[in-house]
Amino acid sequence: MNGEVRVVRQAGLAWQCPFSVREVRAVLMAMSRACGLEHTAIDLTLTDDACISSVNAERLGCVGPTNILSFPSGSASGGASLLLSLDTLERECFLYGQDPKEHTLRLLAHGVAHLAGLDHGPELDAAQEAAMVAGRGTVESFL
């Protein structure tokens, strides 16, 4: 299971992600390597605002939806979990005029940087940028 990436779509949720499952897996693997997490198994759950709001309240005590949440699994295998709200992704792209692919990469890179143990600040920003570069390179290889 080391370094494996699993993508799970919440039941009943239409595929709104601008990348295929294969692309998302490859992007997350590249981002993980860029952040020193190449031996970390990652589960990415593509979800909606209702689900991510519930997890946000339960795990972090925050009210409402957010775009991405990241959690170490707490298991001996060193795995981790990311939850990405496709509702919030779509809304943010519309509201802020962001390209869906670029914003998806940014959110995934942000989540992976948090999985690397970084809090907001210059170190997270640098790791996020390194992950973005790795993710973009991976996506370009699919073209």
N, C-alpha and C. Protein backbone atom coordinates (compact mmCIF):
# COMPACT_ATOMS: atom_id res chain seq x y z
N MET A 1 0.81 -1.20 0.00
CA MET A 1 0.00 0.00 0.00
C MET A 1 0.86 1.27 0.00
N ASN A 2 2.16 1.17 0.22
CA ASN A 2 3.02 2.35 0.23
C ASN A 2 2.95 3.11 -1.08
N GLY A 3 2.71 4.42 -0.99
CA GLY A 3 2.69 5.26 -2.16
C GLY A 3 1.49 5.10 -3.07
N GLU A 4 0.57 4.25 -2.71
CA GLU A 4 -0.62 4.03 -3.52
C GLU A 4 -1.58 5.21 -3.38
N VAL A 5 -2.25 5.54 -4.47
CA VAL A 5 -3.27 6.59 -4.44
C VAL A 5 -4.59 5.97 -4.85
N ARG A 6 -5.58 6.16 -4.00
CA ARG A 6 -6.92 5.65 -4.28
C ARG A 6 -7.87 6.83 -4.39
N VAL A 7 -8.68 6.85 -5.43
CA VAL A 7 -9.65 7.92 -5.65
C VAL A 7 -11.03 7.33 -5.48
N VAL A 8 -11.80 7.93 -4.59
CA VAL A 8 -13.16 7.46 -4.29
C VAL A 8 -14.13 8.60 -4.54
N ARG A 9 -15.16 8.31 -5.28
CA ARG A 9 -16.20 9.30 -5.52
C ARG A 9 -17.38 8.98 -4.60
N GLN A 10 -17.86 10.00 -3.90
CA GLN A 10 -19.03 9.82 -3.05
C GLN A 10 -20.18 9.28 -3.88
N ALA A 11 -20.91 8.32 -3.32
CA ALA A 11 -22.03 7.70 -4.02
C ALA A 11 -23.05 8.76 -4.45
N GLY A 12 -23.52 8.64 -5.67
CA GLY A 12 -24.53 9.55 -6.18
C GLY A 12 -23.99 10.86 -6.70
N LEU A 13 -22.70 11.07 -6.61
CA LEU A 13 -22.10 12.32 -7.04
C LEU A 13 -21.65 12.21 -8.49
N ALA A 14 -22.11 13.12 -9.32
CA ALA A 14 -21.69 13.11 -10.72
C ALA A 14 -20.20 13.46 -10.80
N TRP A 15 -19.53 12.98 -11.84
CA TRP A 15 -18.11 13.25 -12.01
C TRP A 15 -17.96 14.69 -12.49
N GLN A 16 -17.55 15.59 -11.59
CA GLN A 16 -17.38 17.00 -11.92
C GLN A 16 -15.90 17.38 -11.97
N CYS A 17 -15.03 16.48 -11.66
CA CYS A 17 -13.61 16.76 -11.63
C CYS A 17 -13.10 16.97 -13.06
N PRO A 18 -12.27 17.99 -13.29
CA PRO A 18 -11.79 18.25 -14.65
C PRO A 18 -10.73 17.26 -15.14
N PHE A 19 -10.35 16.30 -14.32
CA PHE A 19 -9.38 15.27 -14.69
C PHE A 19 -10.00 13.90 -14.55
N SER A 20 -9.48 12.95 -15.30
CA SER A 20 -9.92 11.56 -15.16
C SER A 20 -9.33 10.98 -13.88
N VAL A 21 -9.85 9.84 -13.46
CA VAL A 21 -9.31 9.16 -12.27
C VAL A 21 -7.84 8.84 -12.49
N ARG A 22 -7.50 8.37 -13.67
CA ARG A 22 -6.11 8.04 -13.99
C ARG A 22 -5.21 9.27 -13.84
N GLU A 23 -5.67 10.41 -14.36
CA GLU A 23 -4.89 11.65 -14.25
C GLU A 23 -4.75 12.10 -12.80
N VAL A 24 -5.83 12.02 -12.04
CA VAL A 24 -5.78 12.43 -10.63
C VAL A 24 -4.78 11.58 -9.85
N ARG A 25 -4.81 10.27 -10.09
CA ARG A 25 -3.86 9.38 -9.41
C ARG A 25 -2.42 9.76 -9.75
N ALA A 26 -2.15 9.97 -11.02
CA ALA A 26 -0.80 10.31 -11.46
C ALA A 26 -0.36 11.66 -10.88
N VAL A 27 -1.27 12.63 -10.88
CA VAL A 27 -0.97 13.95 -10.32
C VAL A 27 -0.64 13.84 -8.83
N LEU A 28 -1.46 13.12 -8.09
CA LEU A 28 -1.21 12.99 -6.65
C LEU A 28 0.08 12.23 -6.35
N MET A 29 0.40 11.26 -7.16
CA MET A 29 1.67 10.54 -6.97
C MET A 29 2.85 11.49 -7.20
N ALA A 30 2.78 12.31 -8.25
CA ALA A 30 3.85 13.27 -8.53
C ALA A 30 3.95 14.32 -7.43
N MET A 31 2.81 14.81 -6.97
CA MET A 31 2.81 15.80 -5.90
C MET A 31 3.37 15.21 -4.61
N SER A 32 3.01 13.97 -4.33
CA SER A 32 3.52 13.30 -3.13
C SER A 32 5.03 13.20 -3.16
N ARG A 33 5.57 12.81 -4.31
CA ARG A 33 7.03 12.73 -4.45
C ARG A 33 7.66 14.11 -4.23
N ALA A 34 7.06 15.15 -4.80
CA ALA A 34 7.60 16.51 -4.68
C ALA A 34 7.62 16.99 -3.23
N CYS A 35 6.72 16.45 -2.41
CA CYS A 35 6.63 16.86 -1.00
C CYS A 35 7.24 15.83 -0.06
N GLY A 36 7.97 14.85 -0.60
CA GLY A 36 8.62 13.85 0.23
C GLY A 36 7.70 12.80 0.82
N LEU A 37 6.57 12.59 0.17
CA LEU A 37 5.57 11.64 0.68
C LEU A 37 5.42 10.43 -0.25
N GLU A 38 6.47 10.09 -0.98
CA GLU A 38 6.35 9.02 -1.97
C GLU A 38 6.00 7.67 -1.37
N HIS A 39 6.19 7.48 -0.08
CA HIS A 39 5.86 6.22 0.57
C HIS A 39 4.53 6.29 1.34
N THR A 40 3.80 7.36 1.14
CA THR A 40 2.53 7.56 1.85
C THR A 40 1.35 7.17 0.96
N ALA A 41 0.52 6.28 1.44
CA ALA A 41 -0.71 5.93 0.73
C ALA A 41 -1.71 7.07 0.95
N ILE A 42 -2.34 7.51 -0.13
CA ILE A 42 -3.30 8.61 -0.04
C ILE A 42 -4.65 8.17 -0.59
N ASP A 43 -5.68 8.43 0.18
CA ASP A 43 -7.06 8.24 -0.27
C ASP A 43 -7.64 9.62 -0.54
N LEU A 44 -8.08 9.86 -1.77
CA LEU A 44 -8.75 11.10 -2.13
C LEU A 44 -10.23 10.79 -2.30
N THR A 45 -11.06 11.48 -1.53
CA THR A 45 -12.50 11.34 -1.65
C THR A 45 -13.06 12.59 -2.33
N LEU A 46 -13.68 12.40 -3.47
CA LEU A 46 -14.36 13.49 -4.17
C LEU A 46 -15.78 13.53 -3.61
N THR A 47 -16.14 14.66 -3.06
CA THR A 47 -17.39 14.74 -2.31
C THR A 47 -18.13 16.03 -2.63
N ASP A 48 -19.20 16.28 -1.88
CA ASP A 48 -20.00 17.48 -2.07
C ASP A 48 -19.92 18.36 -0.82
N ASP A 49 -20.57 19.52 -0.89
CA ASP A 49 -20.52 20.47 0.23
C ASP A 49 -21.14 19.91 1.51
N ALA A 50 -22.21 19.14 1.38
CA ALA A 50 -22.86 18.61 2.59
C ALA A 50 -21.91 17.69 3.35
N CYS A 51 -21.26 16.80 2.65
CA CYS A 51 -20.34 15.86 3.30
C CYS A 51 -19.13 16.57 3.89
N ILE A 52 -18.51 17.47 3.11
CA ILE A 52 -17.31 18.13 3.61
C ILE A 52 -17.65 19.07 4.77
N SER A 53 -18.85 19.64 4.76
CA SER A 53 -19.30 20.47 5.90
C SER A 53 -19.39 19.64 7.16
N SER A 54 -19.93 18.44 7.03
CA SER A 54 -20.07 17.54 8.17
C SER A 54 -18.70 17.16 8.74
N VAL A 55 -17.77 16.79 7.86
CA VAL A 55 -16.43 16.42 8.30
C VAL A 55 -15.71 17.63 8.89
N ASN A 56 -15.88 18.79 8.28
CA ASN A 56 -15.26 20.02 8.76
C ASN A 56 -15.72 20.34 10.19
N ALA A 57 -17.01 20.16 10.45
CA ALA A 57 -17.55 20.41 11.78
C ALA A 57 -17.08 19.36 12.78
N GLU A 58 -17.17 18.09 12.38
CA GLU A 58 -16.83 16.98 13.26
C GLU A 58 -15.34 16.95 13.62
N ARG A 59 -14.48 17.10 12.63
CA ARG A 59 -13.04 16.94 12.86
C ARG A 59 -12.33 18.23 13.25
N LEU A 60 -12.81 19.38 12.74
CA LEU A 60 -12.10 20.63 12.98
C LEU A 60 -12.90 21.68 13.74
N GLY A 61 -14.19 21.39 13.97
CA GLY A 61 -15.03 22.34 14.70
C GLY A 61 -15.35 23.59 13.89
N CYS A 62 -15.23 23.51 12.57
CA CYS A 62 -15.52 24.64 11.69
C CYS A 62 -16.90 24.48 11.06
N VAL A 63 -17.57 25.59 10.84
CA VAL A 63 -18.91 25.57 10.28
C VAL A 63 -18.84 25.80 8.78
N GLY A 64 -19.57 24.99 8.03
CA GLY A 64 -19.72 25.20 6.60
C GLY A 64 -18.74 24.41 5.76
N PRO A 65 -18.94 24.50 4.45
CA PRO A 65 -18.08 23.75 3.53
C PRO A 65 -16.73 24.44 3.35
N THR A 66 -15.78 23.69 2.89
CA THR A 66 -14.48 24.20 2.50
C THR A 66 -14.08 23.47 1.23
N ASN A 67 -12.99 23.88 0.62
CA ASN A 67 -12.64 23.25 -0.66
C ASN A 67 -11.91 21.93 -0.48
N ILE A 68 -10.91 21.88 0.40
CA ILE A 68 -10.16 20.64 0.59
C ILE A 68 -9.80 20.48 2.06
N LEU A 69 -9.86 19.25 2.53
CA LEU A 69 -9.43 18.89 3.88
C LEU A 69 -8.38 17.80 3.76
N SER A 70 -7.42 17.83 4.65
CA SER A 70 -6.37 16.81 4.65
C SER A 70 -6.16 16.28 6.05
N PHE A 71 -6.03 14.95 6.15
CA PHE A 71 -5.87 14.28 7.43
C PHE A 71 -4.90 13.12 7.30
N PRO A 72 -3.93 13.05 8.21
CA PRO A 72 -3.15 11.81 8.27
C PRO A 72 -4.08 10.70 8.73
N SER A 73 -3.86 9.48 8.28
CA SER A 73 -4.79 8.40 8.62
C SER A 73 -4.66 7.96 10.08
N GLY A 74 -3.51 8.19 10.67
CA GLY A 74 -3.30 7.74 12.04
C GLY A 74 -2.94 6.28 12.12
N SER A 75 -2.80 5.63 10.97
CA SER A 75 -2.46 4.21 10.99
C SER A 75 -0.95 4.02 10.93
N ALA A 76 -0.51 2.85 11.29
CA ALA A 76 0.92 2.54 11.29
C ALA A 76 1.49 2.57 9.88
N SER A 77 0.64 2.40 8.87
CA SER A 77 1.12 2.39 7.48
C SER A 77 1.48 3.79 6.99
N GLY A 78 1.10 4.81 7.76
CA GLY A 78 1.46 6.17 7.37
C GLY A 78 0.61 6.73 6.26
N GLY A 79 -0.58 6.22 6.05
CA GLY A 79 -1.46 6.71 5.00
C GLY A 79 -2.07 8.05 5.36
N ALA A 80 -2.80 8.62 4.42
CA ALA A 80 -3.41 9.92 4.63
C ALA A 80 -4.68 10.02 3.80
N SER A 81 -5.51 11.01 4.14
CA SER A 81 -6.77 11.21 3.44
C SER A 81 -6.93 12.66 3.02
N LEU A 82 -7.44 12.84 1.81
CA LEU A 82 -7.83 14.15 1.31
C LEU A 82 -9.30 14.08 0.95
N LEU A 83 -10.03 15.14 1.25
CA LEU A 83 -11.42 15.26 0.82
C LEU A 83 -11.51 16.54 0.01
N LEU A 84 -12.03 16.44 -1.21
CA LEU A 84 -12.17 17.58 -2.10
C LEU A 84 -13.64 17.76 -2.42
N SER A 85 -14.18 18.95 -2.09
CA SER A 85 -15.57 19.24 -2.41
C SER A 85 -15.64 19.74 -3.85
N LEU A 86 -16.27 18.95 -4.71
CA LEU A 86 -16.43 19.35 -6.09
C LEU A 86 -17.42 20.51 -6.22
N ASP A 87 -18.36 20.61 -5.28
CA ASP A 87 -19.29 21.74 -5.27
C ASP A 87 -18.52 23.05 -5.05
N THR A 88 -17.66 23.05 -4.04
CA THR A 88 -16.88 24.25 -3.73
C THR A 88 -15.90 24.56 -4.85
N LEU A 89 -15.27 23.54 -5.40
CA LEU A 89 -14.36 23.73 -6.52
C LEU A 89 -15.07 24.45 -7.67
N GLU A 90 -16.22 23.96 -8.04
CA GLU A 90 -16.98 24.56 -9.14
C GLU A 90 -17.39 26.00 -8.81
N ARG A 91 -17.86 26.22 -7.59
CA ARG A 91 -18.29 27.56 -7.16
C ARG A 91 -17.12 28.54 -7.18
N GLU A 92 -15.96 28.12 -6.64
CA GLU A 92 -14.80 29.01 -6.61
C GLU A 92 -14.31 29.35 -8.02
N CYS A 93 -14.34 28.38 -8.91
CA CYS A 93 -13.94 28.64 -10.29
C CYS A 93 -14.85 29.69 -10.92
N PHE A 94 -16.13 29.56 -10.68
CA PHE A 94 -17.10 30.52 -11.23
C PHE A 94 -16.93 31.90 -10.59
N LEU A 95 -16.90 31.94 -9.25
CA LEU A 95 -16.84 33.22 -8.54
C LEU A 95 -15.56 34.00 -8.80
N TYR A 96 -14.45 33.29 -8.90
CA TYR A 96 -13.15 33.96 -9.01
C TYR A 96 -12.54 33.86 -10.40
N GLY A 97 -13.29 33.32 -11.36
CA GLY A 97 -12.82 33.23 -12.72
C GLY A 97 -11.59 32.35 -12.89
N GLN A 98 -11.52 31.27 -12.10
CA GLN A 98 -10.35 30.40 -12.14
C GLN A 98 -10.58 29.24 -13.11
N ASP A 99 -9.51 28.86 -13.79
CA ASP A 99 -9.55 27.70 -14.65
C ASP A 99 -9.74 26.44 -13.78
N PRO A 100 -10.72 25.60 -14.09
CA PRO A 100 -10.99 24.43 -13.24
C PRO A 100 -9.79 23.49 -13.08
N LYS A 101 -9.04 23.26 -14.14
CA LYS A 101 -7.88 22.36 -14.02
C LYS A 101 -6.81 22.97 -13.12
N GLU A 102 -6.52 24.24 -13.33
CA GLU A 102 -5.49 24.91 -12.53
C GLU A 102 -5.91 24.98 -11.06
N HIS A 103 -7.17 25.28 -10.82
CA HIS A 103 -7.63 25.38 -9.43
C HIS A 103 -7.64 24.01 -8.76
N THR A 104 -8.00 22.97 -9.50
CA THR A 104 -7.95 21.62 -8.95
C THR A 104 -6.53 21.27 -8.55
N LEU A 105 -5.58 21.55 -9.44
CA LEU A 105 -4.17 21.30 -9.11
C LEU A 105 -3.74 22.07 -7.87
N ARG A 106 -4.16 23.32 -7.77
CA ARG A 106 -3.79 24.15 -6.62
C ARG A 106 -4.35 23.56 -5.32
N LEU A 107 -5.59 23.14 -5.34
CA LEU A 107 -6.20 22.59 -4.13
C LEU A 107 -5.55 21.27 -3.73
N LEU A 108 -5.30 20.41 -4.72
CA LEU A 108 -4.63 19.14 -4.40
C LEU A 108 -3.23 19.39 -3.86
N ALA A 109 -2.50 20.32 -4.47
CA ALA A 109 -1.14 20.65 -4.00
C ALA A 109 -1.19 21.20 -2.57
N HIS A 110 -2.18 22.02 -2.28
CA HIS A 110 -2.34 22.57 -0.94
C HIS A 110 -2.59 21.45 0.07
N GLY A 111 -3.47 20.54 -0.29
CA GLY A 111 -3.77 19.41 0.60
C GLY A 111 -2.56 18.53 0.84
N VAL A 112 -1.80 18.25 -0.22
CA VAL A 112 -0.61 17.41 -0.08
C VAL A 112 0.44 18.11 0.78
N ALA A 113 0.60 19.41 0.62
CA ALA A 113 1.55 20.16 1.46
C ALA A 113 1.16 20.07 2.94
N HIS A 114 -0.13 20.11 3.23
CA HIS A 114 -0.59 19.92 4.61
C HIS A 114 -0.28 18.49 5.08
N LEU A 115 -0.45 17.51 4.21
CA LEU A 115 -0.15 16.12 4.58
C LEU A 115 1.33 15.96 4.91
N ALA A 116 2.17 16.82 4.34
CA ALA A 116 3.60 16.79 4.63
C ALA A 116 3.91 17.42 5.98
N GLY A 117 2.87 17.84 6.69
CA GLY A 117 3.05 18.37 8.04
C GLY A 117 3.24 19.87 8.11
N LEU A 118 2.95 20.57 7.04
CA LEU A 118 3.18 22.01 7.00
C LEU A 118 1.91 22.80 7.30
N ASP A 119 2.09 23.87 8.06
CA ASP A 119 1.01 24.81 8.33
C ASP A 119 1.15 25.99 7.38
N HIS A 120 0.11 26.82 7.29
CA HIS A 120 0.15 27.97 6.40
C HIS A 120 1.36 28.85 6.70
N GLY A 121 2.02 29.27 5.65
CA GLY A 121 3.20 30.11 5.77
C GLY A 121 4.14 29.85 4.61
N PRO A 122 5.33 30.44 4.65
CA PRO A 122 6.27 30.34 3.53
C PRO A 122 6.68 28.90 3.18
N GLU A 123 6.84 28.03 4.17
CA GLU A 123 7.23 26.65 3.88
C GLU A 123 6.12 25.91 3.15
N LEU A 124 4.88 26.10 3.58
CA LEU A 124 3.76 25.47 2.89
C LEU A 124 3.65 26.03 1.47
N ASP A 125 3.81 27.34 1.33
CA ASP A 125 3.73 27.96 0.00
C ASP A 125 4.76 27.36 -0.95
N ALA A 126 5.98 27.16 -0.46
CA ALA A 126 7.05 26.58 -1.30
C ALA A 126 6.73 25.13 -1.67
N ALA A 127 6.26 24.36 -0.70
CA ALA A 127 5.91 22.96 -0.97
C ALA A 127 4.73 22.89 -1.93
N GLN A 128 3.76 23.77 -1.75
CA GLN A 128 2.60 23.79 -2.65
C GLN A 128 3.05 24.12 -4.06
N GLU A 129 3.95 25.06 -4.22
CA GLU A 129 4.44 25.41 -5.55
C GLU A 129 5.19 24.25 -6.19
N ALA A 130 6.02 23.56 -5.41
CA ALA A 130 6.74 22.39 -5.93
C ALA A 130 5.76 21.31 -6.37
N ALA A 131 4.72 21.11 -5.58
CA ALA A 131 3.70 20.12 -5.92
C ALA A 131 2.93 20.54 -7.17
N MET A 132 2.65 21.84 -7.30
CA MET A 132 1.96 22.35 -8.50
C MET A 132 2.78 22.09 -9.75
N VAL A 133 4.08 22.37 -9.68
CA VAL A 133 4.96 22.14 -10.83
C VAL A 133 4.94 20.66 -11.21
N ALA A 134 5.04 19.79 -10.21
CA ALA A 134 5.02 18.35 -10.46
C ALA A 134 3.67 17.92 -11.05
N GLY A 135 2.59 18.47 -10.52
CA GLY A 135 1.25 18.13 -11.03
C GLY A 135 1.04 18.60 -12.45
N ARG A 136 1.48 19.82 -12.76
CA ARG A 136 1.34 20.34 -14.13
C ARG A 136 2.12 19.49 -15.11
N GLY A 137 3.34 19.11 -14.72
CA GLY A 137 4.16 18.26 -15.59
C GLY A 137 3.50 16.93 -15.88
N THR A 138 2.83 16.40 -14.88
CA THR A 138 2.13 15.13 -15.05
C THR A 138 0.95 15.28 -16.00
N VAL A 139 0.18 16.33 -15.81
CA VAL A 139 -0.98 16.56 -16.67
C VAL A 139 -0.53 16.77 -18.11
N GLU A 140 0.55 17.51 -18.31
CA GLU A 140 1.05 17.76 -19.66
C GLU A 140 1.49 16.48 -20.34
N SER A 141 1.93 15.50 -19.55
CA SER A 141 2.36 14.24 -20.15
C SER A 141 1.18 13.43 -20.70
N PHE A 142 -0.05 13.79 -20.26
CA PHE A 142 -1.25 13.10 -20.74
C PHE A 142 -1.74 13.69 -22.06
N LEU A 143 -1.24 14.87 -22.40
CA LEU A 143 -1.72 15.56 -23.62
C LEU A 143 -1.11 14.98 -24.87
